[in-house]
Structures are given as structure tokens and as C-alpha cells.
Amino acid sequence: MTGREEDRQPQAEAPPWREAVPSDLRAIDLVARAVHPLLPERPEVFAEKLRLFPPGCLVAERGEEVVGYVLSHPWPCGAVPPLDHFLGTLPQGAACLFIHDVALMPGARGLGVGRSLLPRLDLVARRHGLGAMALVSVYGTERFWHGLGFATEPDGLAEGYGPSARYMTRALPPAP
């Protein structure tokens, strides 16, 4: 599930992204509860994603405070893992980096944090032999993701993620 970020131009420097560590899980849960009150997930689900695929789990910090996170992992294209469920293991032969969740605190929105994330995730996907990214846009953020090169796929794939949910994909651009 991907949370809100306005399409405004950056007015201040975007907080930097870094790989999440287990001690970030409490902060990730706090951000998730603030940003996704209608799409709750258990902290243990976040912990499993971090354990299964650390390179795809990042946090954005402003000073010492976590102001956003992304949880992503390899997954088959055209499939969506159920919300608030354990994955167990990562599937063999996955072709997509599934961006399970991007959540930003209100003060971190509009600073280009989401845009600064995409090149980092492109690199993660390439390093793991994945040729595309997929996500479920929620809260009417479809336009934002379109602006980053994601295309909306047929309905029906994002059940359980809310009425505005849309499954979206993006092929990786050619390597620089």
C-alpha cells in the first residue's frame, strides 16, 4: 500500500533514505499507525518483511527522527500479497520488486522524499535481477505514481486495500 505525498515541488531538502534495521521497527509502526489508520498491519508483519528482504526496507530520517519508510520485496508480477499477512518466504523466480508500503509523516510530504526513493529502489531491483516494480496505490495517489512512470493495471488485483486501491506497475528504465 502506498501512502500520500503531494505533487508539489520540493521546498526543502528531502530527508535521506537509509536501509532499515530492527531497532527502526518501533518507529516504522508509529508512522504506519499515523498514516494508515484504515489499513492497519501488525508490527510483526513489518518485522518479517525486514527479515526477509533488508535491502528493500528503508527509512527516511530528519535529524534523529524517522519520518517515513518503505517496505518492498521481490514478488511475482500481477500478484498482490494480502494486507497484514505473513509472507513466510520470498517466492523463487519473482520478477517484480513489490513496493508494499510507502508512508511519510505529514511534515515529510511535498519535499521530494517519494521521488528521491525511486532511484534507490531501481538500484535494489537491478541488483536482485528484477525487471519491474509493482505497488498498490491507495488514498487517491494514482496520479503521483503515474508521474513516476507507473501504469495502472486492470482492476481486481488490489482487493483488501480499500476502495481507491489500484495495482500499478513500472518497468525499470534502461541502466545508466
Protein backbone atom coordinates (compact mmCIF):
# COMPACT_ATOMS: atom_id res chain seq x y z
CA MET A 1 0.00 0.00 0.00
CA THR A 2 1.42 3.34 -0.82
CA GLY A 3 0.55 6.42 1.16
CA ARG A 4 0.11 10.05 0.34
CA GLU A 5 2.66 12.51 -0.99
CA GLU A 6 1.67 15.75 -2.63
CA ASP A 7 2.89 16.60 -6.14
CA ARG A 8 4.36 19.94 -5.01
CA GLN A 9 7.90 20.95 -5.92
CA PRO A 10 10.49 20.40 -3.20
CA GLN A 11 10.81 23.42 -0.90
CA ALA A 12 13.42 21.98 1.42
CA GLU A 13 15.92 19.18 1.20
CA ALA A 14 14.37 15.72 1.24
CA PRO A 15 15.31 13.59 4.25
CA PRO A 16 17.82 10.92 3.21
CA TRP A 17 16.87 7.26 2.88
CA ARG A 18 18.88 4.53 4.58
CA GLU A 19 18.43 0.79 5.00
CA ALA A 20 16.18 -0.01 7.96
CA VAL A 21 17.46 -2.01 10.91
CA PRO A 22 15.48 -3.92 13.55
CA SER A 23 15.71 -1.01 16.00
CA ASP A 24 13.68 1.07 13.48
CA LEU A 25 10.64 -1.21 13.72
CA ARG A 26 9.01 0.75 16.56
CA ALA A 27 9.30 4.00 14.55
CA ILE A 28 8.01 2.25 11.42
CA ASP A 29 4.97 1.09 13.38
CA LEU A 30 4.35 4.61 14.72
CA VAL A 31 4.49 6.10 11.21
CA ALA A 32 2.23 3.33 9.88
CA ARG A 33 -0.37 3.95 12.60
CA ALA A 34 -0.34 7.70 11.89
CA VAL A 35 -0.52 7.39 8.09
CA HIS A 36 -2.62 4.22 7.61
CA PRO A 37 -5.26 4.10 10.36
CA LEU A 38 -7.74 2.44 7.97
CA LEU A 39 -5.21 -0.12 6.67
CA PRO A 40 -3.56 -1.44 9.84
CA GLU A 41 -0.83 -4.04 9.87
CA ARG A 42 0.78 -5.77 12.81
CA PRO A 43 4.34 -4.81 13.75
CA GLU A 44 5.30 -8.48 13.33
CA VAL A 45 4.37 -8.27 9.64
CA PHE A 46 6.77 -5.33 9.22
CA ALA A 47 9.46 -7.26 11.09
CA GLU A 48 9.07 -10.25 8.77
CA LYS A 49 9.48 -8.08 5.66
CA LEU A 50 12.66 -6.57 7.11
CA ARG A 51 13.98 -10.03 7.99
CA LEU A 52 13.15 -11.49 4.55
CA PHE A 53 14.46 -8.61 2.41
CA PRO A 54 16.54 -5.98 4.23
CA PRO A 55 17.71 -4.14 1.06
CA GLY A 56 14.11 -3.26 0.23
CA CYS A 57 13.24 -1.84 3.64
CA LEU A 58 14.30 1.77 4.05
CA VAL A 59 13.61 4.66 6.39
CA ALA A 60 13.82 8.42 5.84
CA GLU A 61 15.14 10.45 8.73
CA ARG A 62 15.03 14.09 9.63
CA GLY A 63 17.64 14.51 12.32
CA GLU A 64 17.19 11.54 14.63
CA GLU A 65 13.51 11.06 13.79
CA VAL A 66 12.14 8.51 11.31
CA VAL A 67 9.66 10.46 9.18
CA GLY A 68 8.94 7.80 6.58
CA TYR A 69 9.57 4.26 5.47
CA VAL A 70 9.26 1.92 2.52
CA LEU A 71 8.83 -1.84 2.72
CA SER A 72 9.47 -3.72 -0.52
CA HIS A 73 10.39 -7.24 -1.57
CA PRO A 74 10.58 -9.49 -4.63
CA TRP A 75 7.18 -10.80 -5.72
CA PRO A 76 5.54 -12.19 -8.86
CA CYS A 77 4.25 -9.53 -11.24
CA GLY A 78 0.47 -9.47 -11.40
CA ALA A 79 0.01 -10.66 -7.82
CA VAL A 80 -0.57 -8.76 -4.60
CA PRO A 81 0.27 -10.18 -1.18
CA PRO A 82 -2.65 -9.87 1.24
CA LEU A 83 -2.53 -6.94 3.62
CA ASP A 84 -1.42 -7.77 7.19
CA HIS A 85 -0.36 -11.35 6.33
CA PHE A 86 2.96 -13.07 6.73
CA LEU A 87 4.79 -13.99 3.54
CA GLY A 88 6.60 -16.97 5.04
CA THR A 89 9.29 -16.94 2.36
CA LEU A 90 10.03 -14.94 -0.75
CA PRO A 91 8.90 -16.67 -3.94
CA GLN A 92 11.54 -18.12 -6.25
CA GLY A 93 11.72 -16.56 -9.68
CA ALA A 94 9.96 -13.31 -8.74
CA ALA A 95 10.21 -10.69 -11.50
CA CYS A 96 9.00 -7.57 -9.65
CA LEU A 97 10.07 -5.53 -6.69
CA PHE A 98 6.73 -5.16 -4.93
CA ILE A 99 6.58 -1.85 -3.06
CA HIS A 100 4.35 -2.99 -0.24
CA ASP A 101 4.19 0.32 1.56
CA VAL A 102 5.49 3.86 1.41
CA ALA A 103 4.44 6.00 4.35
CA LEU A 104 5.50 9.57 5.07
CA MET A 105 4.61 11.71 8.04
CA PRO A 106 2.79 14.92 7.02
CA GLY A 107 5.87 17.09 7.64
CA ALA A 108 7.91 14.99 5.18
CA ARG A 109 5.42 15.29 2.32
CA GLY A 110 6.00 17.65 -0.56
CA LEU A 111 9.78 17.60 -0.07
CA GLY A 112 10.54 15.15 -2.87
CA VAL A 113 11.02 12.22 -0.50
CA GLY A 114 8.96 9.88 -2.70
CA ARG A 115 10.75 10.98 -5.84
CA SER A 116 14.16 10.54 -4.19
CA LEU A 117 13.19 7.00 -3.23
CA LEU A 118 12.63 5.69 -6.75
CA PRO A 119 16.26 5.69 -7.95
CA ARG A 120 17.21 3.83 -4.77
CA LEU A 121 14.55 1.19 -5.39
CA ASP A 122 15.56 0.94 -9.06
CA LEU A 123 19.05 0.01 -7.86
CA VAL A 124 17.71 -2.56 -5.38
CA ALA A 125 15.59 -4.16 -8.11
CA ARG A 126 18.50 -4.30 -10.57
CA ARG A 127 20.87 -5.81 -8.01
CA HIS A 128 18.37 -8.61 -7.44
CA GLY A 129 17.64 -9.31 -11.11
CA LEU A 130 14.15 -7.81 -11.09
CA GLY A 131 12.94 -6.05 -14.24
CA ALA A 132 9.91 -4.21 -12.89
CA MET A 133 8.26 -2.69 -9.85
CA ALA A 134 4.69 -3.03 -8.70
CA LEU A 135 2.61 -1.42 -5.98
CA VAL A 136 -0.90 -0.78 -4.81
CA SER A 137 -1.77 2.91 -4.87
CA VAL A 138 -4.12 3.93 -2.05
CA TYR A 139 -5.75 7.17 -0.88
CA GLY A 140 -6.01 8.54 -4.41
CA THR A 141 -2.23 8.65 -5.04
CA GLU A 142 -2.55 7.11 -8.50
CA ARG A 143 -1.68 10.42 -10.21
CA PHE A 144 1.52 10.76 -8.17
CA TRP A 145 2.66 7.26 -9.19
CA HIS A 146 1.69 7.91 -12.85
CA GLY A 147 4.07 10.87 -12.71
CA LEU A 148 6.85 8.47 -11.71
CA GLY A 149 6.21 6.16 -14.65
CA PHE A 150 3.81 3.62 -13.11
CA ALA A 151 0.86 2.39 -15.18
CA THR A 152 -2.48 1.34 -13.74
CA GLU A 153 -3.30 -2.31 -14.37
CA PRO A 154 -6.76 -3.92 -14.61
CA ASP A 155 -8.96 -3.75 -11.52
CA GLY A 156 -9.39 -6.63 -9.13
CA LEU A 157 -5.78 -7.15 -8.07
CA ALA A 158 -5.86 -4.78 -5.08
CA GLU A 159 -8.75 -6.22 -3.10
CA GLY A 160 -8.47 -5.62 0.62
CA TYR A 161 -6.51 -2.38 0.20
CA GLY A 162 -9.51 -0.03 0.19
CA PRO A 163 -11.94 1.37 -2.39
CA SER A 164 -9.43 3.68 -4.13
CA ALA A 165 -6.74 0.98 -4.41
CA ARG A 166 -5.17 0.45 -7.83
CA TYR A 167 -2.48 -2.06 -8.81
CA MET A 168 0.28 -0.31 -10.74
CA THR A 169 3.48 -1.43 -12.46
CA ARG A 170 6.61 0.17 -13.85
CA ALA A 171 9.28 -1.47 -16.00
CA LEU A 172 12.78 -0.50 -14.94
CA PRO A 173 14.29 2.15 -17.16
CA PRO A 174 17.49 1.26 -19.01
CA ALA A 175 20.54 1.20 -16.76
CA PRO A 176 22.51 4.47 -16.78
